[in-house]
Amino acid sequence: MPLPLLADALPMLALLLFIGALAGVLAGLLGVGGGIVLVPAFFYAFTVLGYDNPQLMQICLATSLATIVVTSIRSVLGHARKGAVDFDILKSWGPGIVVGALAGVATASMLRSEVLVAIFGVLALVVGLYMALGRSHWRLGPEMPRGVPRLVMSPSLGFLSVLMGIGGGSFGVPLMTLYNRPIHRAVATAAGFGLIIAVPSVAVFLLTTPPEAGRPPFMLGMVNLVAFGVVIAMTLLTTPLGVRLAHAMDPTPLKRVFAVFLILVALNMLRKVLF
């Protein structure tokens, strides 16, 4: 490897090792999707390392979604073996989610990076507030919506998820529990949402190339290969640790702490954009 590339890669590798390890522990401990952690972490890491590509946020979204392809496959297979995945919901909601995800990619490609940072900040703030204040007994209806409500909600879920670079958990799990799905089936089925969102989105992002100036090294389309590889490897190692910690302690107070952390991250991203 040429020395300039090595000099670029080593600091990035060190930061990404930490990010991947943290994302894996949080995923196992709190059940939160990796993207909600990875996107701001990627953006922070690339910014600190001096990369100022005009499509830096798009790179973060695409790389996060690429990791979700792998982690969602693993998660869906594991949950399916336990019979927890509701494939009827995946079949009926899947087409709308795909349409929304592709619309999200098209929209993200047209927006400036600063606008995407602001959108992520607003949506992460909403997710954080729900995590902090939401209650398990809240309900919007006795069963998942059909007809026109599903026609609106399914593409909206895919669209908003792509604009945040996340899978199906942050929006899909609250949606399903609000419509009376048991939490364990909601988590399992949301992993399928993540796969449905990420695969078509990443396929398009791989065909899109960011401007050369100020971009991180080792890019394939919009996906940073170093970030992708390191995060996948670290989450495979550290997610089981998070799962063991979750069984050894009550994760509910920690989820509230994470919600506060997420709210602070969202507010900080909005501060950087607005002030």
C-alpha atoms as a PDB file:
ATOM      1  CA  MET A   1       0.000   0.000   0.000  1.00  0.00           C
ATOM      2  CA  PRO A   2       1.474   3.417  -0.927  1.00  0.00           C
ATOM      3  CA  LEU A   3       2.597   5.432   2.084  1.00  0.00           C
ATOM      4  CA  PRO A   4       0.102   8.305   1.598  1.00  0.00           C
ATOM      5  CA  LEU A   5      -2.768   5.834   1.519  1.00  0.00           C
ATOM      6  CA  LEU A   6      -1.372   4.048   4.580  1.00  0.00           C
ATOM      7  CA  ALA A   7      -1.107   7.359   6.437  1.00  0.00           C
ATOM      8  CA  ASP A   8      -4.761   8.055   5.603  1.00  0.00           C
ATOM      9  CA  ALA A   9      -5.951   4.562   6.466  1.00  0.00           C
ATOM     10  CA  LEU A  10      -4.371   4.031   9.897  1.00  0.00           C
ATOM     11  CA  PRO A  11      -6.123   6.867  11.809  1.00  0.00           C
ATOM     12  CA  MET A  12      -9.371   6.033  10.044  1.00  0.00           C
ATOM     13  CA  LEU A  13      -8.943   2.358  10.947  1.00  0.00           C
ATOM     14  CA  ALA A  14      -8.395   3.153  14.630  1.00  0.00           C
ATOM     15  CA  LEU A  15     -11.546   5.302  14.840  1.00  0.00           C
ATOM     16  CA  LEU A  16     -13.627   2.765  12.940  1.00  0.00           C
ATOM     17  CA  LEU A  17     -12.532  -0.089  15.198  1.00  0.00           C
ATOM     18  CA  PHE A  18     -13.903   1.842  18.176  1.00  0.00           C
ATOM     19  CA  ILE A  19     -17.102   2.812  16.330  1.00  0.00           C
ATOM     20  CA  GLY A  20     -17.766  -0.769  15.217  1.00  0.00           C
ATOM     21  CA  ALA A  21     -17.161  -2.157  18.706  1.00  0.00           C
ATOM     22  CA  LEU A  22     -19.506   0.400  20.288  1.00  0.00           C
ATOM     23  CA  ALA A  23     -22.234  -0.183  17.676  1.00  0.00           C
ATOM     24  CA  GLY A  24     -22.091  -3.942  18.270  1.00  0.00           C
ATOM     25  CA  VAL A  25     -22.354  -3.651  22.051  1.00  0.00           C
ATOM     26  CA  LEU A  26     -25.259  -1.195  21.829  1.00  0.00           C
ATOM     27  CA  ALA A  27     -27.077  -3.383  19.298  1.00  0.00           C
ATOM     28  CA  GLY A  28     -26.819  -6.420  21.552  1.00  0.00           C
ATOM     29  CA  LEU A  29     -27.475  -4.570  24.801  1.00  0.00           C
ATOM     30  CA  LEU A  30     -30.293  -2.212  23.810  1.00  0.00           C
ATOM     31  CA  GLY A  31     -31.629  -3.675  20.573  1.00  0.00           C
ATOM     32  CA  VAL A  32     -31.041  -0.405  18.722  1.00  0.00           C
ATOM     33  CA  GLY A  33     -30.216  -0.487  15.033  1.00  0.00           C
ATOM     34  CA  GLY A  34     -26.603   0.112  14.077  1.00  0.00           C
ATOM     35  CA  GLY A  35     -27.373   2.950  11.681  1.00  0.00           C
ATOM     36  CA  ILE A  36     -28.629   5.294  14.380  1.00  0.00           C
ATOM     37  CA  VAL A  37     -25.133   5.042  15.902  1.00  0.00           C
ATOM     38  CA  LEU A  38     -23.043   4.549  12.780  1.00  0.00           C
ATOM     39  CA  VAL A  39     -24.177   7.519  10.689  1.00  0.00           C
ATOM     40  CA  PRO A  40     -23.250  10.279  13.192  1.00  0.00           C
ATOM     41  CA  ALA A  41     -20.132   8.314  14.176  1.00  0.00           C
ATOM     42  CA  PHE A  42     -19.004   8.005  10.553  1.00  0.00           C
ATOM     43  CA  PHE A  43     -19.713  11.680   9.954  1.00  0.00           C
ATOM     44  CA  TYR A  44     -17.745  12.670  13.046  1.00  0.00           C
ATOM     45  CA  ALA A  45     -14.825  10.366  12.199  1.00  0.00           C
ATOM     46  CA  PHE A  46     -14.507  11.483   8.580  1.00  0.00           C
ATOM     47  CA  THR A  47     -14.824  15.157   9.584  1.00  0.00           C
ATOM     48  CA  VAL A  48     -12.174  14.856  12.312  1.00  0.00           C
ATOM     49  CA  LEU A  49      -9.847  13.134   9.833  1.00  0.00           C
ATOM     50  CA  GLY A  50     -10.181  16.125   7.513  1.00  0.00           C
ATOM     51  CA  TYR A  51     -12.421  14.755   4.750  1.00  0.00           C
ATOM     52  CA  ASP A  52     -14.755  17.480   3.484  1.00  0.00           C
ATOM     53  CA  ASN A  53     -16.367  15.954   0.418  1.00  0.00           C
ATOM     54  CA  PRO A  54     -19.574  17.797  -0.573  1.00  0.00           C
ATOM     55  CA  GLN A  55     -21.389  14.446  -0.417  1.00  0.00           C
ATOM     56  CA  LEU A  56     -19.855  13.278   2.864  1.00  0.00           C
ATOM     57  CA  MET A  57     -23.232  12.644   4.499  1.00  0.00           C
ATOM     58  CA  GLN A  58     -24.334  10.554   1.516  1.00  0.00           C
ATOM     59  CA  ILE A  59     -21.172   8.463   1.977  1.00  0.00           C
ATOM     60  CA  CYS A  60     -22.075   7.938   5.637  1.00  0.00           C
ATOM     61  CA  LEU A  61     -25.661   6.925   4.783  1.00  0.00           C
ATOM     62  CA  ALA A  62     -24.580   4.514   2.037  1.00  0.00           C
ATOM     63  CA  THR A  63     -21.872   2.887   4.164  1.00  0.00           C
ATOM     64  CA  SER A  64     -24.244   2.453   7.083  1.00  0.00           C
ATOM     65  CA  LEU A  65     -26.861   0.856   4.825  1.00  0.00           C
ATOM     66  CA  ALA A  66     -24.212  -1.498   3.387  1.00  0.00           C
ATOM     67  CA  THR A  67     -23.450  -2.794   6.892  1.00  0.00           C
ATOM     68  CA  ILE A  68     -27.195  -3.248   7.472  1.00  0.00           C
ATOM     69  CA  VAL A  69     -27.408  -5.641   4.496  1.00  0.00           C
ATOM     70  CA  VAL A  70     -25.052  -8.036   6.274  1.00  0.00           C
ATOM     71  CA  THR A  71     -26.338  -7.610   9.823  1.00  0.00           C
ATOM     72  CA  SER A  72     -29.993  -7.855   8.746  1.00  0.00           C
ATOM     73  CA  ILE A  73     -29.423 -11.148   6.916  1.00  0.00           C
ATOM     74  CA  ARG A  74     -27.810 -12.591  10.033  1.00  0.00           C
ATOM     75  CA  SER A  75     -30.575 -11.225  12.258  1.00  0.00           C
ATOM     76  CA  VAL A  76     -33.474 -12.372  10.060  1.00  0.00           C
ATOM     77  CA  LEU A  77     -32.092 -15.900   9.765  1.00  0.00           C
ATOM     78  CA  GLY A  78     -31.635 -16.103  13.533  1.00  0.00           C
ATOM     79  CA  HIS A  79     -35.120 -14.825  14.296  1.00  0.00           C
ATOM     80  CA  ALA A  80     -36.691 -16.986  11.566  1.00  0.00           C
ATOM     81  CA  ARG A  81     -35.246 -20.135  13.153  1.00  0.00           C
ATOM     82  CA  LYS A  82     -37.203 -19.182  16.276  1.00  0.00           C
ATOM     83  CA  GLY A  83     -40.379 -18.500  14.272  1.00  0.00           C
ATOM     84  CA  ALA A  84     -40.469 -14.849  15.309  1.00  0.00           C
ATOM     85  CA  VAL A  85     -40.489 -13.175  11.859  1.00  0.00           C
ATOM     86  CA  ASP A  86     -43.936 -12.178  10.574  1.00  0.00           C
ATOM     87  CA  PHE A  87     -43.482 -12.882   6.865  1.00  0.00           C
ATOM     88  CA  ASP A  88     -47.046 -11.796   6.068  1.00  0.00           C
ATOM     89  CA  ILE A  89     -46.152  -8.258   7.191  1.00  0.00           C
ATOM     90  CA  LEU A  90     -42.923  -8.353   5.176  1.00  0.00           C
ATOM     91  CA  LYS A  91     -44.777  -9.449   2.037  1.00  0.00           C
ATOM     92  CA  SER A  92     -47.541  -6.867   2.338  1.00  0.00           C
ATOM     93  CA  TRP A  93     -45.344  -3.960   3.429  1.00  0.00           C
ATOM     94  CA  GLY A  94     -42.252  -4.840   1.386  1.00  0.00           C
ATOM     95  CA  PRO A  95     -43.190  -3.351  -2.019  1.00  0.00           C
ATOM     96  CA  GLY A  96     -44.123   0.012  -0.518  1.00  0.00           C
ATOM     97  CA  ILE A  97     -40.941   0.062   1.573  1.00  0.00           C
ATOM     98  CA  VAL A  98     -38.808  -0.598  -1.534  1.00  0.00           C
ATOM     99  CA  VAL A  99     -40.504   2.249  -3.422  1.00  0.00           C
ATOM    100  CA  GLY A 100     -39.927   4.578  -0.479  1.00  0.00           C
ATOM    101  CA  ALA A 101     -36.290   3.488  -0.110  1.00  0.00           C
ATOM    102  CA  LEU A 102     -35.530   4.173  -3.780  1.00  0.00           C
ATOM    103  CA  ALA A 103     -37.224   7.558  -3.497  1.00  0.00           C
ATOM    104  CA  GLY A 104     -35.042   8.194  -0.444  1.00  0.00           C
ATOM    105  CA  VAL A 105     -31.865   7.407  -2.415  1.00  0.00           C
ATOM    106  CA  ALA A 106     -32.955   9.738  -5.231  1.00  0.00           C
ATOM    107  CA  THR A 107     -33.732  12.505  -2.740  1.00  0.00           C
ATOM    108  CA  ALA A 108     -30.493  12.025  -0.774  1.00  0.00           C
ATOM    109  CA  SER A 109     -28.478  12.207  -4.007  1.00  0.00           C
ATOM    110  CA  MET A 110     -29.983  15.610  -4.838  1.00  0.00           C
ATOM    111  CA  LEU A 111     -29.629  17.219  -1.406  1.00  0.00           C
ATOM    112  CA  ARG A 112     -26.595  19.003  -0.025  1.00  0.00           C
ATOM    113  CA  SER A 113     -24.755  17.193   2.755  1.00  0.00           C
ATOM    114  CA  GLU A 114     -25.701  19.925   5.255  1.00  0.00           C
ATOM    115  CA  VAL A 115     -29.408  19.408   4.526  1.00  0.00           C
ATOM    116  CA  LEU A 116     -29.064  15.665   5.146  1.00  0.00           C
ATOM    117  CA  VAL A 117     -27.298  16.360   8.438  1.00  0.00           C
ATOM    118  CA  ALA A 118     -30.233  18.561   9.480  1.00  0.00           C
ATOM    119  CA  ILE A 119     -32.764  15.893   8.440  1.00  0.00           C
ATOM    120  CA  PHE A 120     -30.871  13.247  10.388  1.00  0.00           C
ATOM    121  CA  GLY A 121     -30.770  15.541  13.423  1.00  0.00           C
ATOM    122  CA  VAL A 122     -34.531  16.163  13.363  1.00  0.00           C
ATOM    123  CA  LEU A 123     -35.440  12.482  12.867  1.00  0.00           C
ATOM    124  CA  ALA A 124     -32.902  11.280  15.457  1.00  0.00           C
ATOM    125  CA  LEU A 125     -34.403  13.767  17.907  1.00  0.00           C
ATOM    126  CA  VAL A 126     -37.848  12.234  17.306  1.00  0.00           C
ATOM    127  CA  VAL A 127     -36.478   8.695  17.790  1.00  0.00           C
ATOM    128  CA  GLY A 128     -34.633   9.717  20.960  1.00  0.00           C
ATOM    129  CA  LEU A 129     -37.709  11.382  22.452  1.00  0.00           C
ATOM    130  CA  TYR A 130     -39.812   8.301  21.721  1.00  0.00           C
ATOM    131  CA  MET A 131     -37.188   6.049  23.328  1.00  0.00           C
ATOM    132  CA  ALA A 132     -37.111   8.300  26.390  1.00  0.00           C
ATOM    133  CA  LEU A 133     -40.826   8.977  26.776  1.00  0.00           C
ATOM    134  CA  GLY A 134     -42.610   6.141  24.956  1.00  0.00           C
ATOM    135  CA  ARG A 135     -44.602   3.582  26.941  1.00  0.00           C
ATOM    136  CA  SER A 136     -45.131  -0.083  26.095  1.00  0.00           C
ATOM    137  CA  HIS A 137     -48.909   0.163  26.545  1.00  0.00           C
ATOM    138  CA  TRP A 138     -49.394   2.897  23.914  1.00  0.00           C
ATOM    139  CA  ARG A 139     -51.553   1.730  20.987  1.00  0.00           C
ATOM    140  CA  LEU A 140     -52.825   3.289  17.750  1.00  0.00           C
ATOM    141  CA  GLY A 141     -54.881   0.275  16.696  1.00  0.00           C
ATOM    142  CA  PRO A 142     -55.490  -3.439  17.236  1.00  0.00           C
ATOM    143  CA  GLU A 143     -53.705  -4.612  14.052  1.00  0.00           C
ATOM    144  CA  MET A 144     -51.303  -3.429  11.372  1.00  0.00           C
ATOM    145  CA  PRO A 145     -52.864  -0.926   8.938  1.00  0.00           C
ATOM    146  CA  ARG A 146     -54.147  -2.062   5.561  1.00  0.00           C
ATOM    147  CA  GLY A 147     -55.384  -0.273   2.445  1.00  0.00           C
ATOM    148  CA  VAL A 148     -54.669   3.441   2.129  1.00  0.00           C
ATOM    149  CA  PRO A 149     -52.927   3.816   5.540  1.00  0.00           C
ATOM    150  CA  ARG A 150     -50.464   1.042   4.596  1.00  0.00           C
ATOM    151  CA  LEU A 151     -50.068   2.588   1.143  1.00  0.00           C
ATOM    152  CA  VAL A 152     -48.885   5.793   2.848  1.00  0.00           C
ATOM    153  CA  MET A 153     -46.964   4.339   5.797  1.00  0.00           C
ATOM    154  CA  SER A 154     -44.887   1.695   4.007  1.00  0.00           C
ATOM    155  CA  PRO A 155     -43.095   4.007   1.541  1.00  0.00           C
ATOM    156  CA  SER A 156     -42.745   6.622   4.280  1.00  0.00           C
ATOM    157  CA  LEU A 157     -40.914   4.089   6.439  1.00  0.00           C
ATOM    158  CA  GLY A 158     -38.504   3.237   3.606  1.00  0.00           C
ATOM    159  CA  PHE A 159     -38.019   6.879   2.615  1.00  0.00           C
ATOM    160  CA  LEU A 160     -37.237   8.185   6.104  1.00  0.00           C
ATOM    161  CA  SER A 161     -34.997   5.224   6.911  1.00  0.00           C
ATOM    162  CA  VAL A 162     -32.782   5.855   3.874  1.00  0.00           C
ATOM    163  CA  LEU A 163     -32.514   9.569   4.694  1.00  0.00           C
ATOM    164  CA  MET A 164     -31.126   8.466   8.081  1.00  0.00           C
ATOM    165  CA  GLY A 165     -29.057   5.541   6.766  1.00  0.00           C
ATOM    166  CA  ILE A 166     -30.816   3.135   9.121  1.00  0.00           C
ATOM    167  CA  GLY A 167     -32.623  -0.194   8.882  1.00  0.00           C
ATOM    168  CA  GLY A 168     -36.129  -0.976   9.999  1.00  0.00           C
ATOM    169  CA  GLY A 169     -35.712  -0.936  13.764  1.00  0.00           C
ATOM    170  CA  SER A 170     -35.918   2.718  14.733  1.00  0.00           C
ATOM    171  CA  PHE A 171     -39.227   3.276  12.931  1.00  0.00           C
ATOM    172  CA  GLY A 172     -40.493  -0.252  12.315  1.00  0.00           C
ATOM    173  CA  VAL A 173     -40.413  -1.524  15.905  1.00  0.00           C
ATOM    174  CA  PRO A 174     -42.379   1.426  17.380  1.00  0.00           C
ATOM    175  CA  LEU A 175     -44.820   1.251  14.455  1.00  0.00           C
ATOM    176  CA  MET A 176     -45.538  -2.442  14.958  1.00  0.00           C
ATOM    177  CA  THR A 177     -45.808  -2.243  18.743  1.00  0.00           C
ATOM    178  CA  LEU A 178     -48.173   0.719  18.433  1.00  0.00           C
ATOM    179  CA  TYR A 179     -50.336  -1.554  16.295  1.00  0.00           C
ATOM    180  CA  ASN A 180     -50.381  -4.341  18.868  1.00  0.00           C
ATOM    181  CA  ARG A 181     -47.572  -6.585  17.610  1.00  0.00           C
ATOM    182  CA  PRO A 182     -45.603  -8.279  20.436  1.00  0.00           C
ATOM    183  CA  ILE A 183     -42.197  -6.674  20.912  1.00  0.00           C
ATOM    184  CA  HIS A 184     -40.181  -9.814  20.113  1.00  0.00           C
ATOM    185  CA  ARG A 185     -42.042 -10.263  16.796  1.00  0.00           C
ATOM    186  CA  ALA A 186     -41.719  -6.547  16.042  1.00  0.00           C
ATOM    187  CA  VAL A 187     -37.934  -6.658  16.541  1.00  0.00           C
ATOM    188  CA  ALA A 188     -37.612  -9.807  14.417  1.00  0.00           C
ATOM    189  CA  THR A 189     -39.808  -8.489  11.591  1.00  0.00           C
ATOM    190  CA  ALA A 190     -38.078  -5.085  11.642  1.00  0.00           C
ATOM    191  CA  ALA A 191     -34.818  -6.883  10.811  1.00  0.00           C
ATOM    192  CA  GLY A 192     -36.557  -7.939   7.590  1.00  0.00           C
ATOM    193  CA  PHE A 193     -37.577  -4.335   6.988  1.00  0.00           C
ATOM    194  CA  GLY A 194     -33.890  -3.438   7.278  1.00  0.00           C
ATOM    195  CA  LEU A 195     -32.946  -5.899   4.549  1.00  0.00           C
ATOM    196  CA  ILE A 196     -35.743  -4.680   2.264  1.00  0.00           C
ATOM    197  CA  ILE A 197     -34.599  -1.077   2.785  1.00  0.00           C
ATOM    198  CA  ALA A 198     -30.861  -1.618   2.503  1.00  0.00           C
ATOM    199  CA  VAL A 199     -30.471  -3.945  -0.518  1.00  0.00           C
ATOM    200  CA  PRO A 200     -32.035  -1.734  -3.230  1.00  0.00           C
ATOM    201  CA  SER A 201     -30.622   1.426  -1.660  1.00  0.00           C
ATOM    202  CA  VAL A 202     -27.053   0.130  -1.571  1.00  0.00           C
ATOM    203  CA  ALA A 203     -27.362  -1.210  -5.128  1.00  0.00           C
ATOM    204  CA  VAL A 204     -28.105   2.333  -6.341  1.00  0.00           C
ATOM    205  CA  PHE A 205     -25.483   3.954  -4.093  1.00  0.00           C
ATOM    206  CA  LEU A 206     -22.819   1.593  -5.500  1.00  0.00           C
ATOM    207  CA  LEU A 207     -23.528   2.985  -8.968  1.00  0.00           C
ATOM    208  CA  THR A 208     -23.095   6.579  -7.785  1.00  0.00           C
ATOM    209  CA  THR A 209     -19.649   8.120  -7.383  1.00  0.00           C
ATOM    210  CA  PRO A 210     -18.994  11.124  -5.097  1.00  0.00           C
ATOM    211  CA  PRO A 211     -16.757  13.965  -6.260  1.00  0.00           C
ATOM    212  CA  GLU A 212     -13.080  13.070  -5.894  1.00  0.00           C
ATOM    213  CA  ALA A 213     -12.065  16.126  -3.872  1.00  0.00           C
ATOM    214  CA  GLY A 214     -12.045  15.550  -0.115  1.00  0.00           C
ATOM    215  CA  ARG A 215     -13.462  12.047  -0.159  1.00  0.00           C
ATOM    216  CA  PRO A 216     -12.142   9.240   2.086  1.00  0.00           C
ATOM    217  CA  PRO A 217      -9.912   6.597   0.488  1.00  0.00           C
ATOM    218  CA  PHE A 218     -11.070   3.124  -0.548  1.00  0.00           C
ATOM    219  CA  MET A 219     -14.465   3.998  -2.000  1.00  0.00           C
ATOM    220  CA  LEU A 220     -16.751   1.796  -4.094  1.00  0.00           C
ATOM    221  CA  GLY A 221     -19.477   4.075  -5.342  1.00  0.00           C
ATOM    222  CA  MET A 222     -20.763   5.857  -2.230  1.00  0.00           C
ATOM    223  CA  VAL A 223     -19.690   3.042   0.120  1.00  0.00           C
ATOM    224  CA  ASN A 224     -16.440   3.328   2.068  1.00  0.00           C
ATOM    225  CA  LEU A 225     -14.957  -0.167   2.022  1.00  0.00           C
ATOM    226  CA  VAL A 226     -12.723   0.312   5.082  1.00  0.00           C
ATOM    227  CA  ALA A 227     -15.606   1.504   7.226  1.00  0.00           C
ATOM    228  CA  PHE A 228     -17.839  -1.288   5.921  1.00  0.00           C
ATOM    229  CA  GLY A 229     -15.331  -4.077   6.537  1.00  0.00           C
ATOM    230  CA  VAL A 230     -14.156  -2.910   9.953  1.00  0.00           C
ATOM    231  CA  VAL A 231     -17.662  -2.298  11.300  1.00  0.00           C
ATOM    232  CA  ILE A 232     -18.958  -5.680  10.106  1.00  0.00           C
ATOM    233  CA  ALA A 233     -15.997  -7.465  11.716  1.00  0.00           C
ATOM    234  CA  MET A 234     -16.294  -5.583  15.013  1.00  0.00           C
ATOM    235  CA  THR A 235     -20.060  -5.919  15.342  1.00  0.00           C
ATOM    236  CA  LEU A 236     -19.794  -9.682  14.812  1.00  0.00           C
ATOM    237  CA  LEU A 237     -17.334  -9.758  17.722  1.00  0.00           C
ATOM    238  CA  THR A 238     -19.039  -7.368  20.133  1.00  0.00           C
ATOM    239  CA  THR A 239     -22.785  -7.893  19.585  1.00  0.00           C
ATOM    240  CA  PRO A 240     -22.706 -11.191  21.568  1.00  0.00           C
ATOM    241  CA  LEU A 241     -21.056  -9.264  24.430  1.00  0.00           C
ATOM    242  CA  GLY A 242     -23.932  -6.778  24.399  1.00  0.00           C
ATOM    243  CA  VAL A 243     -26.431  -9.655  24.429  1.00  0.00           C
ATOM    244  CA  ARG A 244     -24.732 -11.207  27.469  1.00  0.00           C
ATOM    245  CA  LEU A 245     -24.769  -7.848  29.262  1.00  0.00           C
ATOM    246  CA  ALA A 246     -28.473  -7.462  28.453  1.00  0.00           C
ATOM    247  CA  HIS A 247     -29.202 -10.792  30.148  1.00  0.00           C
ATOM    248  CA  ALA A 248     -27.056  -9.883  33.142  1.00  0.00           C
ATOM    249  CA  MET A 249     -28.712  -6.533  33.883  1.00  0.00           C
ATOM    250  CA  ASP A 250     -31.886  -4.561  33.298  1.00  0.00           C
ATOM    251  CA  PRO A 251     -31.347  -2.710  29.991  1.00  0.00           C
ATOM    252  CA  THR A 252     -34.325  -0.348  30.493  1.00  0.00           C
ATOM    253  CA  PRO A 253     -32.430   2.357  32.448  1.00  0.00           C
ATOM    254  CA  LEU A 254     -29.575   2.081  29.940  1.00  0.00           C
ATOM    255  CA  LYS A 255     -32.032   2.580  27.087  1.00  0.00           C
ATOM    256  CA  ARG A 256     -33.168   5.816  28.727  1.00  0.00           C
ATOM    257  CA  VAL A 257     -29.528   6.921  29.040  1.00  0.00           C
ATOM    258  CA  PHE A 258     -28.941   6.075  25.375  1.00  0.00           C
ATOM    259  CA  ALA A 259     -32.071   8.053  24.458  1.00  0.00           C
ATOM    260  CA  VAL A 260     -30.634  11.118  26.212  1.00  0.00           C
ATOM    261  CA  PHE A 261     -27.308  10.559  24.431  1.00  0.00           C
ATOM    262  CA  LEU A 262     -29.094  10.301  21.075  1.00  0.00           C
ATOM    263  CA  ILE A 263     -31.037  13.499  21.756  1.00  0.00           C
ATOM    264  CA  LEU A 264     -27.780  15.307  22.553  1.00  0.00           C
ATOM    265  CA  VAL A 265     -26.146  13.971  19.366  1.00  0.00           C
ATOM    266  CA  ALA A 266     -29.167  15.117  17.334  1.00  0.00           C
ATOM    267  CA  LEU A 267     -29.142  18.576  18.906  1.00  0.00           C
ATOM    268  CA  ASN A 268     -25.394  18.904  18.284  1.00  0.00           C
ATOM    269  CA  MET A 269     -25.821  18.004  14.600  1.00  0.00           C
ATOM    270  CA  LEU A 270     -28.608  20.569  14.298  1.00  0.00           C
ATOM    271  CA  ARG A 271     -26.445  23.179  16.065  1.00  0.00           C
ATOM    272  CA  LYS A 272     -23.617  22.671  13.560  1.00  0.00           C
ATOM    273  CA  VAL A 273     -25.979  23.163  10.644  1.00  0.00           C
ATOM    274  CA  LEU A 274     -28.097  26.010  11.961  1.00  0.00           C
ATOM    275  CA  PHE A 275     -25.563  28.148  13.839  1.00  0.00           C
END
